[in-house]
Amino acid sequence: QVQLVESGGGLVQPGESLRLSCAASGTTDSLYRMGWYRRAPGKTREFVADIGSDNIPRTANSVKGRFTISRDNAKKTAYLQMTSLKPDDTGVYYCNLVRFSNIFWGQGTQVTVSS
C-alpha cells in the first residue's frame, strides 16, 4: 500500500519562503505522478502543481512563478518550493500520488502566511 508523508509546513510572514516535502513508500518504480493540492479555509481543494516521472511539471496559474515542484525518484520524494508567500496561500497542503487509475493522498500539512 502506498503511503505519503508530508512535512515542511508552518507559520511564515508574507514574502517569506517554505519548502514542503512528500515522501512516498510502498512503490516499486517511478511510474507515477506526484502532486500538491491545497484547501484554504472555507474553500474547496484546488490543484497547485504536479510532476510526472519524466520530470515535466504542471503548475497552477495562481502560483506560477512563485512555486516550483520537483522530485527525486531515488528518494521517492516530491518537493514544493514556495516563495513570495501571500496570505492567500494559507491552507492545508496535500500531497498526492497517481499511478494508473489509483490515487493516494497524504494527511496534509498546514501552511499559514500571516504577519
Protein backbone atom coordinates (compact mmCIF):
# COMPACT_ATOMS: atom_id res chain seq x y z
CA GLN A 1 0.00 0.00 0.00
CA VAL A 2 1.33 3.42 -0.95
CA GLN A 3 1.75 5.87 1.89
CA LEU A 4 2.60 9.56 1.65
CA VAL A 5 4.05 11.68 4.43
CA GLU A 6 4.17 15.46 4.05
CA SER A 7 6.42 17.76 6.02
CA GLY A 8 7.69 21.33 5.98
CA GLY A 9 4.57 23.33 6.73
CA GLY A 10 4.49 26.13 9.26
CA LEU A 11 3.79 29.75 10.02
CA VAL A 12 5.60 32.37 7.95
CA GLN A 13 5.24 36.04 7.20
CA PRO A 14 4.19 37.39 3.80
CA GLY A 15 7.06 37.37 1.34
CA GLU A 16 8.87 34.50 3.03
CA SER A 17 9.52 31.01 1.68
CA LEU A 18 8.81 27.42 2.65
CA ARG A 19 9.67 24.06 1.17
CA LEU A 20 7.26 21.18 1.51
CA SER A 21 8.32 17.57 1.14
CA CYS A 22 6.29 14.49 0.37
CA ALA A 23 7.91 11.12 0.91
CA ALA A 24 6.31 8.07 -0.69
CA SER A 25 6.63 4.49 0.45
CA GLY A 26 5.20 1.27 -0.90
CA THR A 27 6.12 1.99 -4.54
CA THR A 28 8.34 -0.28 -6.59
CA ASP A 29 9.07 2.04 -9.51
CA SER A 30 8.78 5.70 -10.53
CA LEU A 31 5.85 5.37 -12.97
CA TYR A 32 3.55 7.83 -11.26
CA ARG A 33 2.78 11.50 -10.95
CA MET A 34 3.19 13.31 -7.66
CA GLY A 35 1.36 16.50 -6.94
CA TRP A 36 0.26 19.10 -4.45
CA TYR A 37 -3.23 20.38 -3.75
CA ARG A 38 -4.37 22.82 -1.11
CA ARG A 39 -7.54 23.66 0.75
CA ALA A 40 -7.91 27.20 2.02
CA PRO A 41 -10.30 27.88 4.91
CA GLY A 42 -13.88 27.81 3.63
CA LYS A 43 -12.87 26.78 0.11
CA THR A 44 -12.68 23.59 -1.89
CA ARG A 45 -9.43 21.78 -2.53
CA GLU A 46 -7.54 23.16 -5.53
CA PHE A 47 -4.70 21.96 -7.69
CA VAL A 48 -1.32 23.57 -7.07
CA ALA A 49 1.25 21.61 -9.08
CA ASP A 50 2.26 18.13 -10.15
CA ILE A 51 5.13 16.39 -11.87
CA GLY A 52 5.48 13.16 -13.81
CA SER A 53 8.18 10.54 -13.88
CA ASP A 54 9.57 12.46 -16.87
CA ASN A 55 10.10 15.44 -14.54
CA ILE A 56 7.81 17.67 -16.58
CA PRO A 57 5.90 19.89 -14.14
CA ARG A 58 2.48 21.47 -14.33
CA THR A 59 1.73 24.48 -12.16
CA ALA A 60 -1.47 26.37 -11.42
CA ASN A 61 -1.60 29.91 -12.77
CA SER A 62 -2.25 31.23 -9.26
CA VAL A 63 1.21 30.16 -8.10
CA LYS A 64 3.20 30.13 -11.33
CA GLY A 65 6.46 32.00 -10.93
CA ARG A 66 6.36 31.62 -7.14
CA PHE A 67 6.05 27.86 -6.56
CA THR A 68 8.27 25.18 -8.05
CA ILE A 69 7.65 21.46 -7.89
CA SER A 70 10.42 18.93 -8.20
CA ARG A 71 11.02 15.28 -7.41
CA ASP A 72 13.84 12.94 -6.50
CA ASN A 73 12.99 9.48 -7.81
CA ALA A 74 15.79 7.83 -5.84
CA LYS A 75 14.31 9.20 -2.62
CA LYS A 76 10.69 8.77 -3.82
CA THR A 77 10.11 12.32 -2.67
CA ALA A 78 8.43 15.34 -4.20
CA TYR A 79 9.11 18.88 -3.14
CA LEU A 80 7.19 22.13 -3.39
CA GLN A 81 9.37 25.20 -3.09
CA MET A 82 7.16 28.14 -2.24
CA THR A 83 8.49 31.69 -2.45
CA SER A 84 6.94 35.14 -2.08
CA LEU A 85 4.19 33.64 0.03
CA LYS A 86 0.95 35.55 0.41
CA PRO A 87 -1.83 35.31 2.99
CA ASP A 88 -4.00 33.77 0.23
CA ASP A 89 -1.59 30.82 0.17
CA THR A 90 -2.74 29.83 3.65
CA GLY A 91 -4.29 26.39 3.85
CA VAL A 92 -3.71 22.71 4.27
CA TYR A 93 -1.42 21.35 1.58
CA TYR A 94 -1.95 17.76 0.49
CA CYS A 95 0.40 15.58 -1.47
CA ASN A 96 -0.98 13.01 -3.88
CA LEU A 97 0.40 10.22 -5.99
CA VAL A 98 -1.34 8.99 -9.12
CA ARG A 99 -0.33 5.63 -10.52
CA PHE A 100 -2.51 4.46 -13.41
CA SER A 101 -6.07 4.60 -12.01
CA ASN A 102 -5.03 4.68 -8.37
CA ILE A 103 -4.82 7.92 -6.37
CA PHE A 104 -3.24 8.16 -2.93
CA TRP A 105 -3.29 11.12 -0.57
CA GLY A 106 -1.19 12.27 2.33
CA GLN A 107 -2.60 13.57 5.58
CA GLY A 108 -1.82 17.20 4.80
CA THR A 109 0.43 19.85 6.27
CA GLN A 110 -0.69 23.30 7.41
CA VAL A 111 0.79 26.41 5.83
CA THR A 112 -0.11 29.73 7.41
CA VAL A 113 1.03 33.03 5.95
CA SER A 114 0.36 35.89 8.31
CA SER A 115 2.01 38.98 9.69
